[in-house]
Amino acid sequence: MSLKTFHVVFITLSTLLAVGFGFSSYHDYQMHGGGTLSVSLAVAGFVAALGLVTYGVWFLKKLKDVSFR
């Protein structure tokens, strides 16, 4: 597995983790009436996921000539 492949897999898994954390925090807010902390954590998770997607696209554009081997 190349370093590029590992990086793409790692960023993808990190993005999924951030989205899952955002949904979990939002679910906690809805089910338990969590205050502003739950909402803040949900927003932080979704913002982190957006940042990771942006970084992933930038990374793939930067290394478009490098193979995945």
N, C-alpha and C. Protein backbone atom coordinates (compact mmCIF):
# COMPACT_ATOMS: atom_id res chain seq x y z
N MET A 1 0.85 -1.16 0.00
CA MET A 1 0.00 0.00 0.00
C MET A 1 0.89 1.22 0.00
N SER A 2 0.61 2.14 -0.91
CA SER A 2 1.43 3.34 -1.01
C SER A 2 1.04 4.34 0.08
N LEU A 3 1.89 5.30 0.25
CA LEU A 3 1.63 6.35 1.23
C LEU A 3 0.40 7.16 0.82
N LYS A 4 0.22 7.36 -0.49
CA LYS A 4 -0.96 8.10 -0.97
C LYS A 4 -2.24 7.33 -0.63
N THR A 5 -2.24 6.03 -0.87
CA THR A 5 -3.41 5.21 -0.57
C THR A 5 -3.72 5.24 0.92
N PHE A 6 -2.69 5.06 1.74
CA PHE A 6 -2.88 5.10 3.19
C PHE A 6 -3.47 6.44 3.61
N HIS A 7 -2.97 7.53 3.04
CA HIS A 7 -3.42 8.86 3.40
C HIS A 7 -4.89 9.04 3.04
N VAL A 8 -5.28 8.59 1.86
CA VAL A 8 -6.68 8.72 1.43
C VAL A 8 -7.59 7.90 2.34
N VAL A 9 -7.18 6.68 2.66
CA VAL A 9 -7.98 5.84 3.56
C VAL A 9 -8.08 6.48 4.94
N PHE A 10 -6.98 6.99 5.45
CA PHE A 10 -6.97 7.62 6.77
C PHE A 10 -7.86 8.85 6.80
N ILE A 11 -7.81 9.68 5.78
CA ILE A 11 -8.65 10.88 5.74
C ILE A 11 -10.12 10.49 5.62
N THR A 12 -10.41 9.46 4.83
CA THR A 12 -11.80 9.00 4.69
C THR A 12 -12.35 8.49 6.02
N LEU A 13 -11.57 7.66 6.71
CA LEU A 13 -12.01 7.15 8.01
C LEU A 13 -12.15 8.28 9.04
N SER A 14 -11.25 9.24 9.00
CA SER A 14 -11.32 10.38 9.92
C SER A 14 -12.57 11.21 9.65
N THR A 15 -12.91 11.37 8.38
CA THR A 15 -14.12 12.13 8.03
C THR A 15 -15.36 11.41 8.53
N LEU A 16 -15.41 10.09 8.32
CA LEU A 16 -16.56 9.32 8.81
C LEU A 16 -16.66 9.38 10.33
N LEU A 17 -15.55 9.35 11.00
CA LEU A 17 -15.54 9.45 12.46
C LEU A 17 -16.06 10.82 12.91
N ALA A 18 -15.65 11.88 12.24
CA ALA A 18 -16.10 13.23 12.60
C ALA A 18 -17.60 13.38 12.36
N VAL A 19 -18.09 12.84 11.25
CA VAL A 19 -19.54 12.90 10.97
C VAL A 19 -20.30 12.10 12.02
N GLY A 20 -19.81 10.92 12.34
CA GLY A 20 -20.45 10.10 13.37
C GLY A 20 -20.48 10.79 14.71
N PHE A 21 -19.40 11.46 15.06
CA PHE A 21 -19.35 12.21 16.32
C PHE A 21 -20.36 13.35 16.30
N GLY A 22 -20.46 14.03 15.16
CA GLY A 22 -21.43 15.12 15.04
C GLY A 22 -22.85 14.63 15.22
N PHE A 23 -23.19 13.50 14.56
CA PHE A 23 -24.53 12.95 14.71
C PHE A 23 -24.78 12.44 16.12
N SER A 24 -23.77 11.85 16.73
CA SER A 24 -23.91 11.36 18.09
C SER A 24 -24.17 12.52 19.06
N SER A 25 -23.43 13.59 18.89
CA SER A 25 -23.62 14.75 19.77
C SER A 25 -24.99 15.38 19.55
N TYR A 26 -25.42 15.44 18.30
CA TYR A 26 -26.73 16.00 18.02
C TYR A 26 -27.84 15.10 18.58
N HIS A 27 -27.66 13.80 18.45
CA HIS A 27 -28.62 12.84 19.01
C HIS A 27 -28.69 12.99 20.53
N ASP A 28 -27.55 13.16 21.16
CA ASP A 28 -27.51 13.38 22.60
C ASP A 28 -28.29 14.64 22.97
N TYR A 29 -28.13 15.67 22.17
CA TYR A 29 -28.87 16.92 22.42
C TYR A 29 -30.38 16.70 22.33
N GLN A 30 -30.81 15.96 21.30
CA GLN A 30 -32.24 15.73 21.11
C GLN A 30 -32.83 14.81 22.18
N MET A 31 -32.13 13.76 22.52
CA MET A 31 -32.70 12.76 23.43
C MET A 31 -32.62 13.16 24.89
N HIS A 32 -31.57 13.82 25.28
CA HIS A 32 -31.37 14.12 26.70
C HIS A 32 -31.46 15.61 27.03
N GLY A 33 -31.81 16.40 26.07
CA GLY A 33 -31.94 17.82 26.33
C GLY A 33 -30.62 18.47 26.71
N GLY A 34 -29.55 17.93 26.15
CA GLY A 34 -28.23 18.49 26.42
C GLY A 34 -28.19 19.96 26.04
N GLY A 35 -27.43 20.70 26.75
CA GLY A 35 -27.38 22.13 26.54
C GLY A 35 -26.51 22.51 25.35
N THR A 36 -25.92 23.65 25.51
CA THR A 36 -25.13 24.20 24.41
C THR A 36 -23.87 23.38 24.13
N LEU A 37 -23.40 22.62 25.10
CA LEU A 37 -22.21 21.81 24.87
C LEU A 37 -22.46 20.75 23.80
N SER A 38 -23.58 20.08 23.86
CA SER A 38 -23.89 19.06 22.86
C SER A 38 -24.02 19.66 21.47
N VAL A 39 -24.68 20.79 21.37
CA VAL A 39 -24.82 21.46 20.07
C VAL A 39 -23.47 21.92 19.57
N SER A 40 -22.66 22.46 20.46
CA SER A 40 -21.32 22.93 20.07
C SER A 40 -20.45 21.78 19.58
N LEU A 41 -20.53 20.64 20.26
CA LEU A 41 -19.76 19.48 19.84
C LEU A 41 -20.25 18.95 18.50
N ALA A 42 -21.56 18.98 18.28
CA ALA A 42 -22.11 18.54 17.00
C ALA A 42 -21.61 19.43 15.86
N VAL A 43 -21.67 20.73 16.09
CA VAL A 43 -21.19 21.67 15.07
C VAL A 43 -19.70 21.48 14.83
N ALA A 44 -18.93 21.27 15.90
CA ALA A 44 -17.49 21.05 15.75
C ALA A 44 -17.21 19.78 14.95
N GLY A 45 -17.98 18.72 15.17
CA GLY A 45 -17.81 17.49 14.41
C GLY A 45 -18.09 17.69 12.93
N PHE A 46 -19.16 18.40 12.62
CA PHE A 46 -19.51 18.63 11.22
C PHE A 46 -18.52 19.58 10.54
N VAL A 47 -18.04 20.57 11.26
CA VAL A 47 -17.04 21.48 10.71
C VAL A 47 -15.73 20.74 10.46
N ALA A 48 -15.36 19.86 11.38
CA ALA A 48 -14.15 19.05 11.20
C ALA A 48 -14.29 18.15 9.98
N ALA A 49 -15.47 17.56 9.80
CA ALA A 49 -15.70 16.70 8.64
C ALA A 49 -15.60 17.51 7.34
N LEU A 50 -16.15 18.70 7.34
CA LEU A 50 -16.06 19.56 6.17
C LEU A 50 -14.61 19.93 5.87
N GLY A 51 -13.86 20.24 6.92
CA GLY A 51 -12.44 20.54 6.74
C GLY A 51 -11.66 19.35 6.21
N LEU A 52 -11.98 18.16 6.68
CA LEU A 52 -11.30 16.96 6.20
C LEU A 52 -11.65 16.66 4.75
N VAL A 53 -12.88 16.87 4.36
CA VAL A 53 -13.26 16.67 2.96
C VAL A 53 -12.52 17.68 2.08
N THR A 54 -12.47 18.92 2.51
CA THR A 54 -11.75 19.95 1.76
C THR A 54 -10.28 19.59 1.63
N TYR A 55 -9.68 19.14 2.72
CA TYR A 55 -8.28 18.73 2.68
C TYR A 55 -8.08 17.53 1.77
N GLY A 56 -8.99 16.57 1.81
CA GLY A 56 -8.88 15.39 0.96
C GLY A 56 -8.93 15.74 -0.51
N VAL A 57 -9.83 16.63 -0.89
CA VAL A 57 -9.92 17.07 -2.29
C VAL A 57 -8.64 17.78 -2.69
N TRP A 58 -8.15 18.65 -1.83
CA TRP A 58 -6.90 19.36 -2.12
C TRP A 58 -5.74 18.38 -2.27
N PHE A 59 -5.68 17.40 -1.40
CA PHE A 59 -4.61 16.41 -1.43
C PHE A 59 -4.64 15.61 -2.73
N LEU A 60 -5.84 15.18 -3.14
CA LEU A 60 -5.94 14.42 -4.37
C LEU A 60 -5.58 15.25 -5.59
N LYS A 61 -5.95 16.52 -5.59
CA LYS A 61 -5.57 17.39 -6.70
C LYS A 61 -4.07 17.59 -6.74
N LYS A 62 -3.47 17.75 -5.58
CA LYS A 62 -2.03 18.00 -5.52
C LYS A 62 -1.24 16.79 -6.02
N LEU A 63 -1.70 15.60 -5.68
CA LEU A 63 -0.97 14.38 -6.04
C LEU A 63 -1.68 13.59 -7.15
N LYS A 64 -2.32 14.28 -8.08
CA LYS A 64 -3.05 13.59 -9.14
C LYS A 64 -2.14 12.80 -10.07
N ASP A 65 -0.87 13.18 -10.17
CA ASP A 65 0.07 12.48 -11.05
C ASP A 65 0.78 11.33 -10.37
N VAL A 66 0.58 11.15 -9.08
CA VAL A 66 1.21 10.07 -8.34
C VAL A 66 0.25 8.89 -8.31
N SER A 67 0.75 7.69 -8.61
CA SER A 67 -0.14 6.53 -8.66
C SER A 67 -0.48 6.04 -7.25
N PHE A 68 -1.49 5.19 -7.18
CA PHE A 68 -1.92 4.62 -5.89
C PHE A 68 -1.16 3.34 -5.56
N ARG A 69 -0.20 2.97 -6.32
CA ARG A 69 0.56 1.73 -6.09
C ARG A 69 1.58 1.88 -5.02
